[in-house]
PDB file of N, CA and C in Angstrom:
ATOM      1  N   MET A   1       5.890  -3.612  25.130  1.00  0.00           N
ATOM      2  CA  MET A   1       5.133  -4.159  24.004  1.00  0.00           C
ATOM      3  C   MET A   1       3.685  -3.658  24.054  1.00  0.00           C
ATOM      4  N   SER A   2       3.141  -3.379  22.900  1.00  0.00           N
ATOM      5  CA  SER A   2       1.757  -2.931  22.780  1.00  0.00           C
ATOM      6  C   SER A   2       0.805  -4.080  23.091  1.00  0.00           C
ATOM      7  N   PRO A   3      -0.392  -3.770  23.601  1.00  0.00           N
ATOM      8  CA  PRO A   3      -1.357  -4.844  23.860  1.00  0.00           C
ATOM      9  C   PRO A   3      -1.923  -5.451  22.569  1.00  0.00           C
ATOM     10  N   VAL A   4      -1.670  -4.798  21.430  1.00  0.00           N
ATOM     11  CA  VAL A   4      -2.147  -5.319  20.143  1.00  0.00           C
ATOM     12  C   VAL A   4      -1.073  -5.065  19.087  1.00  0.00           C
ATOM     13  N   GLU A   5      -0.891  -6.087  18.221  1.00  0.00           N
ATOM     14  CA  GLU A   5       0.125  -5.989  17.179  1.00  0.00           C
ATOM     15  C   GLU A   5      -0.273  -6.871  16.001  1.00  0.00           C
ATOM     16  N   VAL A   6      -0.128  -6.360  14.795  1.00  0.00           N
ATOM     17  CA  VAL A   6      -0.328  -7.168  13.593  1.00  0.00           C
ATOM     18  C   VAL A   6       0.960  -7.951  13.380  1.00  0.00           C
ATOM     19  N   THR A   7       0.853  -9.268  13.313  1.00  0.00           N
ATOM     20  CA  THR A   7       2.050 -10.111  13.227  1.00  0.00           C
ATOM     21  C   THR A   7       2.319 -10.669  11.836  1.00  0.00           C
ATOM     22  N   ASN A   8       1.282 -10.751  10.989  1.00  0.00           N
ATOM     23  CA  ASN A   8       1.472 -11.314   9.657  1.00  0.00           C
ATOM     24  C   ASN A   8       0.328 -10.858   8.760  1.00  0.00           C
ATOM     25  N   ILE A   9       0.659 -10.613   7.486  1.00  0.00           N
ATOM     26  CA  ILE A   9      -0.350 -10.236   6.492  1.00  0.00           C
ATOM     27  C   ILE A   9      -0.176 -11.159   5.296  1.00  0.00           C
ATOM     28  N   SER A  10      -1.287 -11.719   4.819  1.00  0.00           N
ATOM     29  CA  SER A  10      -1.243 -12.583   3.636  1.00  0.00           C
ATOM     30  C   SER A  10      -2.291 -12.102   2.639  1.00  0.00           C
ATOM     31  N   GLN A  11      -2.421 -12.797   1.533  1.00  0.00           N
ATOM     32  CA  GLN A  11      -3.433 -12.431   0.535  1.00  0.00           C
ATOM     33  C   GLN A  11      -4.841 -12.699   1.042  1.00  0.00           C
ATOM     34  N   HIS A  12      -4.978 -13.467   2.119  1.00  0.00           N
ATOM     35  CA  HIS A  12      -6.293 -13.830   2.645  1.00  0.00           C
ATOM     36  C   HIS A  12      -6.725 -13.007   3.856  1.00  0.00           C
ATOM     37  N   GLY A  13      -5.788 -12.322   4.480  1.00  0.00           N
ATOM     38  CA  GLY A  13      -6.106 -11.545   5.669  1.00  0.00           C
ATOM     39  C   GLY A  13      -4.868 -11.294   6.503  1.00  0.00           C
ATOM     40  N   PHE A  14      -5.070 -10.997   7.780  1.00  0.00           N
ATOM     41  CA  PHE A  14      -3.922 -10.740   8.645  1.00  0.00           C
ATOM     42  C   PHE A  14      -4.182 -11.251  10.057  1.00  0.00           C
ATOM     43  N   TRP A  15      -3.074 -11.468  10.765  1.00  0.00           N
ATOM     44  CA  TRP A  15      -3.105 -11.975  12.132  1.00  0.00           C
ATOM     45  C   TRP A  15      -2.807 -10.848  13.106  1.00  0.00           C
ATOM     46  N   ILE A  16      -3.564 -10.826  14.194  1.00  0.00           N
ATOM     47  CA  ILE A  16      -3.363  -9.842  15.265  1.00  0.00           C
ATOM     48  C   ILE A  16      -2.993 -10.591  16.534  1.00  0.00           C
ATOM     49  N   LEU A  17      -1.918 -10.158  17.169  1.00  0.00           N
ATOM     50  CA  LEU A  17      -1.552 -10.673  18.486  1.00  0.00           C
ATOM     51  C   LEU A  17      -2.218  -9.766  19.508  1.00  0.00           C
ATOM     52  N   LEU A  18      -3.091 -10.350  20.291  1.00  0.00           N
ATOM     53  CA  LEU A  18      -3.889  -9.579  21.236  1.00  0.00           C
ATOM     54  C   LEU A  18      -3.873 -10.287  22.579  1.00  0.00           C
ATOM     55  N   GLU A  19      -3.238  -9.658  23.540  1.00  0.00           N
ATOM     56  CA  GLU A  19      -3.193 -10.207  24.891  1.00  0.00           C
ATOM     57  C   GLU A  19      -2.797 -11.685  24.893  1.00  0.00           C
ATOM     58  N   GLU A  20      -1.671 -12.002  24.282  1.00  0.00           N
ATOM     59  CA  GLU A  20      -1.090 -13.335  24.270  1.00  0.00           C
ATOM     60  C   GLU A  20      -1.868 -14.378  23.464  1.00  0.00           C
ATOM     61  N   ARG A  21      -2.729 -13.950  22.567  1.00  0.00           N
ATOM     62  CA  ARG A  21      -3.397 -14.892  21.662  1.00  0.00           C
ATOM     63  C   ARG A  21      -3.479 -14.232  20.294  1.00  0.00           C
ATOM     64  N   GLU A  22      -3.562 -15.067  19.264  1.00  0.00           N
ATOM     65  CA  GLU A  22      -3.634 -14.545  17.907  1.00  0.00           C
ATOM     66  C   GLU A  22      -5.025 -14.738  17.331  1.00  0.00           C
ATOM     67  N   LEU A  23      -5.471 -13.713  16.626  1.00  0.00           N
ATOM     68  CA  LEU A  23      -6.757 -13.750  15.937  1.00  0.00           C
ATOM     69  C   LEU A  23      -6.506 -13.491  14.462  1.00  0.00           C
ATOM     70  N   PHE A  24      -7.237 -14.191  13.593  1.00  0.00           N
ATOM     71  CA  PHE A  24      -7.128 -13.981  12.158  1.00  0.00           C
ATOM     72  C   PHE A  24      -8.256 -13.075  11.696  1.00  0.00           C
ATOM     73  N   VAL A  25      -7.918 -12.071  10.900  1.00  0.00           N
ATOM     74  CA  VAL A  25      -8.888 -11.135  10.332  1.00  0.00           C
ATOM     75  C   VAL A  25      -8.937 -11.399   8.822  1.00  0.00           C
ATOM     76  N   PRO A  26      -9.888 -12.222   8.364  1.00  0.00           N
ATOM     77  CA  PRO A  26      -9.943 -12.546   6.934  1.00  0.00           C
ATOM     78  C   PRO A  26     -10.548 -11.396   6.116  1.00  0.00           C
ATOM     79  N   PHE A  27      -9.959 -11.155   4.956  1.00  0.00           N
ATOM     80  CA  PHE A  27     -10.486 -10.106   4.078  1.00  0.00           C
ATOM     81  C   PHE A  27     -11.907 -10.428   3.618  1.00  0.00           C
ATOM     82  N   SER A  28     -12.246 -11.705   3.548  1.00  0.00           N
ATOM     83  CA  SER A  28     -13.601 -12.078   3.127  1.00  0.00           C
ATOM     84  C   SER A  28     -14.654 -11.593   4.121  1.00  0.00           C
ATOM     85  N   GLU A  29     -14.304 -11.551   5.389  1.00  0.00           N
ATOM     86  CA  GLU A  29     -15.237 -11.084   6.426  1.00  0.00           C
ATOM     87  C   GLU A  29     -15.084  -9.595   6.724  1.00  0.00           C
ATOM     88  N   PHE A  30     -13.907  -9.045   6.438  1.00  0.00           N
ATOM     89  CA  PHE A  30     -13.607  -7.641   6.735  1.00  0.00           C
ATOM     90  C   PHE A  30     -13.022  -6.986   5.481  1.00  0.00           C
ATOM     91  N   PRO A  31     -13.849  -6.771   4.453  1.00  0.00           N
ATOM     92  CA  PRO A  31     -13.358  -6.314   3.145  1.00  0.00           C
ATOM     93  C   PRO A  31     -12.753  -4.913   3.148  1.00  0.00           C
ATOM     94  N   TRP A  32     -12.997  -4.142   4.183  1.00  0.00           N
ATOM     95  CA  TRP A  32     -12.455  -2.780   4.263  1.00  0.00           C
ATOM     96  C   TRP A  32     -10.939  -2.781   4.274  1.00  0.00           C
ATOM     97  N   PHE A  33     -10.333  -3.878   4.679  1.00  0.00           N
ATOM     98  CA  PHE A  33      -8.875  -3.965   4.760  1.00  0.00           C
ATOM     99  C   PHE A  33      -8.234  -4.472   3.475  1.00  0.00           C
ATOM    100  N   ARG A  34      -9.018  -5.037   2.579  1.00  0.00           N
ATOM    101  CA  ARG A  34      -8.475  -5.733   1.402  1.00  0.00           C
ATOM    102  C   ARG A  34      -7.517  -4.864   0.589  1.00  0.00           C
ATOM    103  N   ASN A  35      -7.838  -3.624   0.328  1.00  0.00           N
ATOM    104  CA  ASN A  35      -7.000  -2.762  -0.500  1.00  0.00           C
ATOM    105  C   ASN A  35      -6.197  -1.754   0.308  1.00  0.00           C
ATOM    106  N   ALA A  36      -6.143  -1.942   1.603  1.00  0.00           N
ATOM    107  CA  ALA A  36      -5.391  -1.038   2.473  1.00  0.00           C
ATOM    108  C   ALA A  36      -3.891  -1.293   2.320  1.00  0.00           C
ATOM    109  N   THR A  37      -3.097  -0.280   2.599  1.00  0.00           N
ATOM    110  CA  THR A  37      -1.646  -0.459   2.561  1.00  0.00           C
ATOM    111  C   THR A  37      -1.195  -1.259   3.780  1.00  0.00           C
ATOM    112  N   ILE A  38      -0.040  -1.862   3.664  1.00  0.00           N
ATOM    113  CA  ILE A  38       0.522  -2.602   4.795  1.00  0.00           C
ATOM    114  C   ILE A  38       0.710  -1.667   5.981  1.00  0.00           C
ATOM    115  N   ASP A  39       1.242  -0.475   5.732  1.00  0.00           N
ATOM    116  CA  ASP A  39       1.453   0.480   6.825  1.00  0.00           C
ATOM    117  C   ASP A  39       0.161   0.815   7.558  1.00  0.00           C
ATOM    118  N   SER A  40      -0.925   0.981   6.811  1.00  0.00           N
ATOM    119  CA  SER A  40      -2.185   1.346   7.470  1.00  0.00           C
ATOM    120  C   SER A  40      -2.781   0.180   8.255  1.00  0.00           C
ATOM    121  N   ILE A  41      -2.538  -1.052   7.821  1.00  0.00           N
ATOM    122  CA  ILE A  41      -3.001  -2.215   8.587  1.00  0.00           C
ATOM    123  C   ILE A  41      -2.158  -2.395   9.845  1.00  0.00           C
ATOM    124  N   LEU A  42      -0.858  -2.164   9.716  1.00  0.00           N
ATOM    125  CA  LEU A  42       0.033  -2.323  10.867  1.00  0.00           C
ATOM    126  C   LEU A  42      -0.230  -1.305  11.969  1.00  0.00           C
ATOM    127  N   LYS A  43      -0.763  -0.163  11.607  1.00  0.00           N
ATOM    128  CA  LYS A  43      -1.004   0.903  12.589  1.00  0.00           C
ATOM    129  C   LYS A  43      -2.364   0.685  13.255  1.00  0.00           C
ATOM    130  N   VAL A  44      -2.371  -0.170  14.269  1.00  0.00           N
ATOM    131  CA  VAL A  44      -3.600  -0.492  14.989  1.00  0.00           C
ATOM    132  C   VAL A  44      -3.446  -0.057  16.441  1.00  0.00           C
ATOM    133  N   GLU A  45      -4.520   0.450  16.996  1.00  0.00           N
ATOM    134  CA  GLU A  45      -4.533   0.914  18.379  1.00  0.00           C
ATOM    135  C   GLU A  45      -5.620   0.190  19.154  1.00  0.00           C
ATOM    136  N   MET A  46      -5.482   0.188  20.457  1.00  0.00           N
ATOM    137  CA  MET A  46      -6.492  -0.401  21.334  1.00  0.00           C
ATOM    138  C   MET A  46      -6.938   0.698  22.306  1.00  0.00           C
ATOM    139  N   PRO A  47      -7.896   1.541  21.871  1.00  0.00           N
ATOM    140  CA  PRO A  47      -8.311   2.668  22.711  1.00  0.00           C
ATOM    141  C   PRO A  47      -9.088   2.252  23.957  1.00  0.00           C
ATOM    142  N   HIS A  48      -9.733   1.111  23.900  1.00  0.00           N
ATOM    143  CA  HIS A  48     -10.507   0.582  25.016  1.00  0.00           C
ATOM    144  C   HIS A  48     -10.325  -0.932  25.034  1.00  0.00           C
ATOM    145  N   PRO A  49     -10.474  -1.555  26.188  1.00  0.00           N
ATOM    146  CA  PRO A  49     -10.392  -3.017  26.208  1.00  0.00           C
ATOM    147  C   PRO A  49     -11.447  -3.615  25.259  1.00  0.00           C
ATOM    148  N   ARG A  50     -11.030  -4.611  24.507  1.00  0.00           N
ATOM    149  CA  ARG A  50     -11.933  -5.327  23.597  1.00  0.00           C
ATOM    150  C   ARG A  50     -12.391  -4.469  22.404  1.00  0.00           C
ATOM    151  N   HIS A  51     -11.606  -3.420  22.082  1.00  0.00           N
ATOM    152  CA  HIS A  51     -11.961  -2.540  20.969  1.00  0.00           C
ATOM    153  C   HIS A  51     -10.685  -2.143  20.233  1.00  0.00           C
ATOM    154  N   LEU A  52     -10.664  -2.288  18.905  1.00  0.00           N
ATOM    155  CA  LEU A  52      -9.499  -1.947  18.095  1.00  0.00           C
ATOM    156  C   LEU A  52      -9.834  -0.824  17.131  1.00  0.00           C
ATOM    157  N   TYR A  53      -8.806  -0.019  16.801  1.00  0.00           N
ATOM    158  CA  TYR A  53      -9.007   1.118  15.907  1.00  0.00           C
ATOM    159  C   TYR A  53      -7.803   1.264  14.987  1.00  0.00           C
ATOM    160  N   TRP A  54      -8.074   1.419  13.690  1.00  0.00           N
ATOM    161  CA  TRP A  54      -7.058   1.689  12.682  1.00  0.00           C
ATOM    162  C   TRP A  54      -7.241   3.147  12.251  1.00  0.00           C
ATOM    163  N   PRO A  55      -6.455   4.081  12.796  1.00  0.00           N
ATOM    164  CA  PRO A  55      -6.670   5.510  12.525  1.00  0.00           C
ATOM    165  C   PRO A  55      -6.499   5.906  11.061  1.00  0.00           C
ATOM    166  N   ASP A  56      -5.550   5.314  10.365  1.00  0.00           N
ATOM    167  CA  ASP A  56      -5.340   5.669   8.957  1.00  0.00           C
ATOM    168  C   ASP A  56      -6.507   5.251   8.076  1.00  0.00           C
ATOM    169  N   LEU A  57      -7.257   4.241   8.504  1.00  0.00           N
ATOM    170  CA  LEU A  57      -8.388   3.728   7.737  1.00  0.00           C
ATOM    171  C   LEU A  57      -9.732   4.148   8.324  1.00  0.00           C
ATOM    172  N   ASP A  58      -9.706   4.737   9.504  1.00  0.00           N
ATOM    173  CA  ASP A  58     -10.914   5.103  10.254  1.00  0.00           C
ATOM    174  C   ASP A  58     -11.845   3.899  10.413  1.00  0.00           C
ATOM    175  N   ILE A  59     -11.247   2.777  10.846  1.00  0.00           N
ATOM    176  CA  ILE A  59     -11.995   1.539  11.070  1.00  0.00           C
ATOM    177  C   ILE A  59     -11.961   1.203  12.551  1.00  0.00           C
ATOM    178  N   ASP A  60     -13.138   1.002  13.124  1.00  0.00           N
ATOM    179  CA  ASP A  60     -13.303   0.575  14.512  1.00  0.00           C
ATOM    180  C   ASP A  60     -13.875  -0.835  14.499  1.00  0.00           C
ATOM    181  N   LEU A  61     -13.306  -1.719  15.300  1.00  0.00           N
ATOM    182  CA  LEU A  61     -13.847  -3.073  15.402  1.00  0.00           C
ATOM    183  C   LEU A  61     -13.858  -3.525  16.853  1.00  0.00           C
ATOM    184  N   ALA A  62     -14.940  -4.129  17.251  1.00  0.00           N
ATOM    185  CA  ALA A  62     -14.969  -4.810  18.537  1.00  0.00           C
ATOM    186  C   ALA A  62     -14.219  -6.125  18.362  1.00  0.00           C
ATOM    187  N   VAL A  63     -13.436  -6.499  19.349  1.00  0.00           N
ATOM    188  CA  VAL A  63     -12.704  -7.765  19.284  1.00  0.00           C
ATOM    189  C   VAL A  63     -13.683  -8.916  19.072  1.00  0.00           C
ATOM    190  N   GLU A  64     -14.830  -8.824  19.665  1.00  0.00           N
ATOM    191  CA  GLU A  64     -15.849  -9.872  19.508  1.00  0.00           C
ATOM    192  C   GLU A  64     -16.245 -10.061  18.042  1.00  0.00           C
ATOM    193  N   SER A  65     -16.232  -8.991  17.251  1.00  0.00           N
ATOM    194  CA  SER A  65     -16.595  -9.119  15.837  1.00  0.00           C
ATOM    195  C   SER A  65     -15.538  -9.891  15.055  1.00  0.00           C
ATOM    196  N   ILE A  66     -14.291  -9.887  15.530  1.00  0.00           N
ATOM    197  CA  ILE A  66     -13.240 -10.692  14.906  1.00  0.00           C
ATOM    198  C   ILE A  66     -13.372 -12.149  15.362  1.00  0.00           C
ATOM    199  N   GLU A  67     -13.662 -12.327  16.635  1.00  0.00           N
ATOM    200  CA  GLU A  67     -13.816 -13.669  17.179  1.00  0.00           C
ATOM    201  C   GLU A  67     -15.052 -14.375  16.625  1.00  0.00           C
ATOM    202  N   HIS A  68     -16.117 -13.631  16.385  1.00  0.00           N
ATOM    203  CA  HIS A  68     -17.401 -14.192  15.939  1.00  0.00           C
ATOM    204  C   HIS A  68     -18.022 -13.324  14.839  1.00  0.00           C
ATOM    205  N   PRO A  69     -17.429 -13.288  13.641  1.00  0.00           N
ATOM    206  CA  PRO A  69     -17.951 -12.418  12.581  1.00  0.00           C
ATOM    207  C   PRO A  69     -19.385 -12.741  12.175  1.00  0.00           C
ATOM    208  N   GLU A  70     -19.821 -13.986  12.381  1.00  0.00           N
ATOM    209  CA  GLU A  70     -21.187 -14.364  12.020  1.00  0.00           C
ATOM    210  C   GLU A  70     -22.230 -13.613  12.848  1.00  0.00           C
ATOM    211  N   ARG A  71     -21.853 -13.098  13.986  1.00  0.00           N
ATOM    212  CA  ARG A  71     -22.774 -12.326  14.831  1.00  0.00           C
ATOM    213  C   ARG A  71     -22.883 -10.863  14.404  1.00  0.00           C
ATOM    214  N   PHE A  72     -22.009 -10.451  13.474  1.00  0.00           N
ATOM    215  CA  PHE A  72     -21.948  -9.053  13.054  1.00  0.00           C
ATOM    216  C   PHE A  72     -21.986  -8.973  11.532  1.00  0.00           C
ATOM    217  N   PRO A  73     -23.161  -9.126  10.937  1.00  0.00           N
ATOM    218  CA  PRO A  73     -23.242  -9.076   9.463  1.00  0.00           C
ATOM    219  C   PRO A  73     -22.815  -7.708   8.933  1.00  0.00           C
ATOM    220  N   LEU A  74     -22.232  -7.721   7.758  1.00  0.00           N
ATOM    221  CA  LEU A  74     -21.806  -6.469   7.129  1.00  0.00           C
ATOM    222  C   LEU A  74     -23.007  -5.575   6.881  1.00  0.00           C
ATOM    223  N   LEU A  75     -22.825  -4.289   7.135  1.00  0.00           N
ATOM    224  CA  LEU A  75     -23.919  -3.344   6.901  1.00  0.00           C
ATOM    225  C   LEU A  75     -23.958  -2.892   5.451  1.00  0.00           C
ATOM    226  N   SER A  76     -22.812  -2.751   4.834  1.00  0.00           N
ATOM    227  CA  SER A  76     -22.762  -2.292   3.453  1.00  0.00           C
ATOM    228  C   SER A  76     -22.977  -3.465   2.518  1.00  0.00           C
ATOM    229  N   LYS A  77     -23.883  -3.317   1.586  1.00  0.00           N
ATOM    230  CA  LYS A  77     -24.150  -4.357   0.603  1.00  0.00           C
ATOM    231  C   LYS A  77     -23.542  -3.984  -0.747  1.00  0.00           C
ATOM    232  N   ALA A  78     -22.880  -2.835  -0.841  1.00  0.00           N
ATOM    233  CA  ALA A  78     -22.297  -2.392  -2.100  1.00  0.00           C
ATOM    234  C   ALA A  78     -21.138  -3.297  -2.487  1.00  0.00           C
ATOM    235  N   THR A  79     -21.048  -3.578  -3.785  1.00  0.00           N
ATOM    236  CA  THR A  79     -19.924  -4.349  -4.316  1.00  0.00           C
ATOM    237  C   THR A  79     -19.247  -3.509  -5.384  1.00  0.00           C
ATOM    238  N   PRO A  80     -17.942  -3.659  -5.566  1.00  0.00           N
ATOM    239  CA  PRO A  80     -17.211  -2.805  -6.488  1.00  0.00           C
ATOM    240  C   PRO A  80     -17.698  -2.885  -7.929  1.00  0.00           C
ATOM    241  N   ASN A  81     -18.213  -4.028  -8.367  1.00  0.00           N
ATOM    242  CA  ASN A  81     -18.607  -4.189  -9.767  1.00  0.00           C
ATOM    243  C   ASN A  81     -20.112  -4.262  -9.969  1.00  0.00           C
ATOM    244  N   SER A  82     -20.881  -3.792  -8.996  1.00  0.00           N
ATOM    245  CA  SER A  82     -22.343  -3.882  -9.142  1.00  0.00           C
ATOM    246  C   SER A  82     -22.848  -2.812 -10.091  1.00  0.00           C
ATOM    247  N   ASN A  83     -23.894  -3.145 -10.847  1.00  0.00           N
ATOM    248  CA  ASN A  83     -24.518  -2.188 -11.772  1.00  0.00           C
ATOM    249  C   ASN A  83     -25.644  -1.466 -11.069  1.00  0.00           C
ATOM    250  N   PRO A  84     -25.795  -0.164 -11.346  1.00  0.00           N
ATOM    251  CA  PRO A  84     -26.894   0.591 -10.705  1.00  0.00           C
ATOM    252  C   PRO A  84     -28.258   0.171 -11.167  1.00  0.00           C
TER     253      PRO A  84
END
């Protein structure tokens, strides 16, 4: 078994099984995943301890950012419907 696995995807986010515990990744906190395909979300790797990578999406996340998203504010302020 892989040390990391996506176990469920809903309209609100997805669950990751990581070292015998589950973490929820809400789309509201991690909007990069919102329009991703199921296959690309399921394809997650753990290249280093406490670090996750989705190669199809080129997304890197520290596990700590999932556990405590309030400590890692989003860098991008762009919104899909914003006017220039």
